[in-house]
Amino acid sequence: MSSSFNFTESFRRQSFVVFRHFLDRRQRAELRRAADTALAVSRARCIETAHTTPRISLLTEAATFEGGSLVLEPIFAFAASARVCGLLDSAL
């Protein structure tokens, strides 16, 4: 990646930024498992539907994970890690 890459401009154009090789295979698999588990819990407890699938409100409805917040722990730990925070600081 070029040192002149503009994260903010890329995000504005595409609504996302891809950081290739930021996560290794093991890290991606761990986060994927955590996200899949969180989605499964949310879907199982959701009684509303959006279009044709259960509505998923992972972080906006605390009751969804009452007694089971550990499901989200790997995701929170990743998002709060020094590595992610450093990346965000450099993008600003």
Protein backbone atom coordinates (compact mmCIF):
# COMPACT_ATOMS: atom_id res chain seq x y z
CA MET A 1 0.00 0.00 0.00
CA SER A 2 1.34 3.40 -0.91
CA SER A 3 2.21 5.80 1.88
CA SER A 4 0.12 8.39 0.02
CA PHE A 5 -3.05 6.27 0.24
CA ASN A 6 -5.85 8.42 1.61
CA PHE A 7 -8.04 6.30 3.93
CA THR A 8 -10.61 9.03 4.48
CA GLU A 9 -11.12 9.72 0.78
CA SER A 10 -11.35 6.00 0.00
CA PHE A 11 -13.98 5.58 2.72
CA ARG A 12 -15.97 8.54 1.41
CA ARG A 13 -15.97 7.10 -2.11
CA GLN A 14 -16.70 3.46 -1.25
CA SER A 15 -18.09 3.49 2.32
CA PHE A 16 -15.39 1.00 3.35
CA VAL A 17 -11.62 0.55 3.30
CA VAL A 18 -9.85 -2.77 2.79
CA PHE A 19 -6.61 -3.38 4.68
CA ARG A 20 -5.10 -6.42 3.00
CA HIS A 21 -3.03 -8.66 5.26
CA PHE A 22 -4.12 -6.79 8.41
CA LEU A 23 -5.43 -10.05 9.86
CA ASP A 24 -3.93 -13.47 9.43
CA ARG A 25 -6.04 -16.55 8.66
CA ARG A 26 -6.37 -17.52 12.33
CA GLN A 27 -7.52 -14.04 13.37
CA ARG A 28 -10.07 -13.88 10.55
CA ALA A 29 -11.42 -17.31 11.52
CA GLU A 30 -11.69 -16.31 15.21
CA LEU A 31 -13.57 -13.10 14.39
CA ARG A 32 -15.79 -14.93 11.90
CA ARG A 33 -16.71 -17.54 14.55
CA ALA A 34 -17.50 -14.80 17.06
CA ALA A 35 -19.61 -12.89 14.53
CA ASP A 36 -21.44 -16.04 13.42
CA THR A 37 -22.18 -16.96 17.05
CA ALA A 38 -23.40 -13.42 17.83
CA LEU A 39 -25.64 -13.45 14.76
CA ALA A 40 -27.04 -16.87 15.64
CA VAL A 41 -27.83 -15.73 19.20
CA SER A 42 -29.44 -12.54 17.92
CA ARG A 43 -31.49 -14.37 15.30
CA ALA A 44 -32.65 -16.98 17.81
CA ARG A 45 -33.87 -14.33 20.24
CA CYS A 46 -35.35 -11.93 17.68
CA ILE A 47 -39.10 -12.02 17.18
CA GLU A 48 -39.19 -9.24 14.56
CA THR A 49 -38.42 -9.67 10.90
CA ALA A 50 -36.93 -7.34 8.35
CA HIS A 51 -37.78 -8.28 4.80
CA THR A 52 -37.50 -12.08 4.91
CA THR A 53 -34.96 -12.66 7.67
CA PRO A 54 -34.85 -11.93 11.41
CA ARG A 55 -33.85 -8.38 12.23
CA ILE A 56 -30.40 -8.23 13.74
CA SER A 57 -29.58 -5.48 16.26
CA LEU A 58 -26.40 -6.78 17.80
CA LEU A 59 -25.15 -3.77 19.68
CA THR A 60 -28.27 -1.63 19.94
CA GLU A 61 -30.39 -3.95 22.05
CA ALA A 62 -28.51 -5.02 25.17
CA ALA A 63 -31.26 -7.46 26.12
CA THR A 64 -30.31 -9.57 23.11
CA PHE A 65 -27.13 -10.59 24.92
CA GLU A 66 -28.32 -10.50 28.49
CA GLY A 67 -26.26 -13.04 30.34
CA GLY A 68 -24.30 -13.82 27.21
CA SER A 69 -22.11 -10.78 26.56
CA LEU A 70 -19.10 -13.09 26.35
CA VAL A 71 -20.33 -13.93 22.85
CA LEU A 72 -19.19 -10.47 21.76
CA GLU A 73 -15.94 -10.42 23.76
CA PRO A 74 -13.64 -11.44 20.86
CA ILE A 75 -15.16 -8.72 18.68
CA PHE A 76 -14.82 -6.06 21.41
CA ALA A 77 -11.26 -7.14 22.16
CA PHE A 78 -10.32 -6.84 18.49
CA ALA A 79 -12.01 -3.45 18.04
CA ALA A 80 -10.30 -2.07 21.16
CA SER A 81 -6.86 -3.53 20.41
CA ALA A 82 -3.82 -1.28 20.15
CA ARG A 83 -3.35 -2.47 16.58
CA VAL A 84 -6.82 -1.32 15.46
CA CYS A 85 -6.62 1.92 17.45
CA GLY A 86 -3.22 2.66 15.93
CA LEU A 87 -4.58 2.07 12.46
CA LEU A 88 -7.49 4.40 13.11
CA ASP A 89 -5.18 7.06 14.56
CA SER A 90 -3.00 6.91 11.45
CA ALA A 91 -6.07 7.21 9.21
CA LEU A 92 -7.14 10.45 10.87
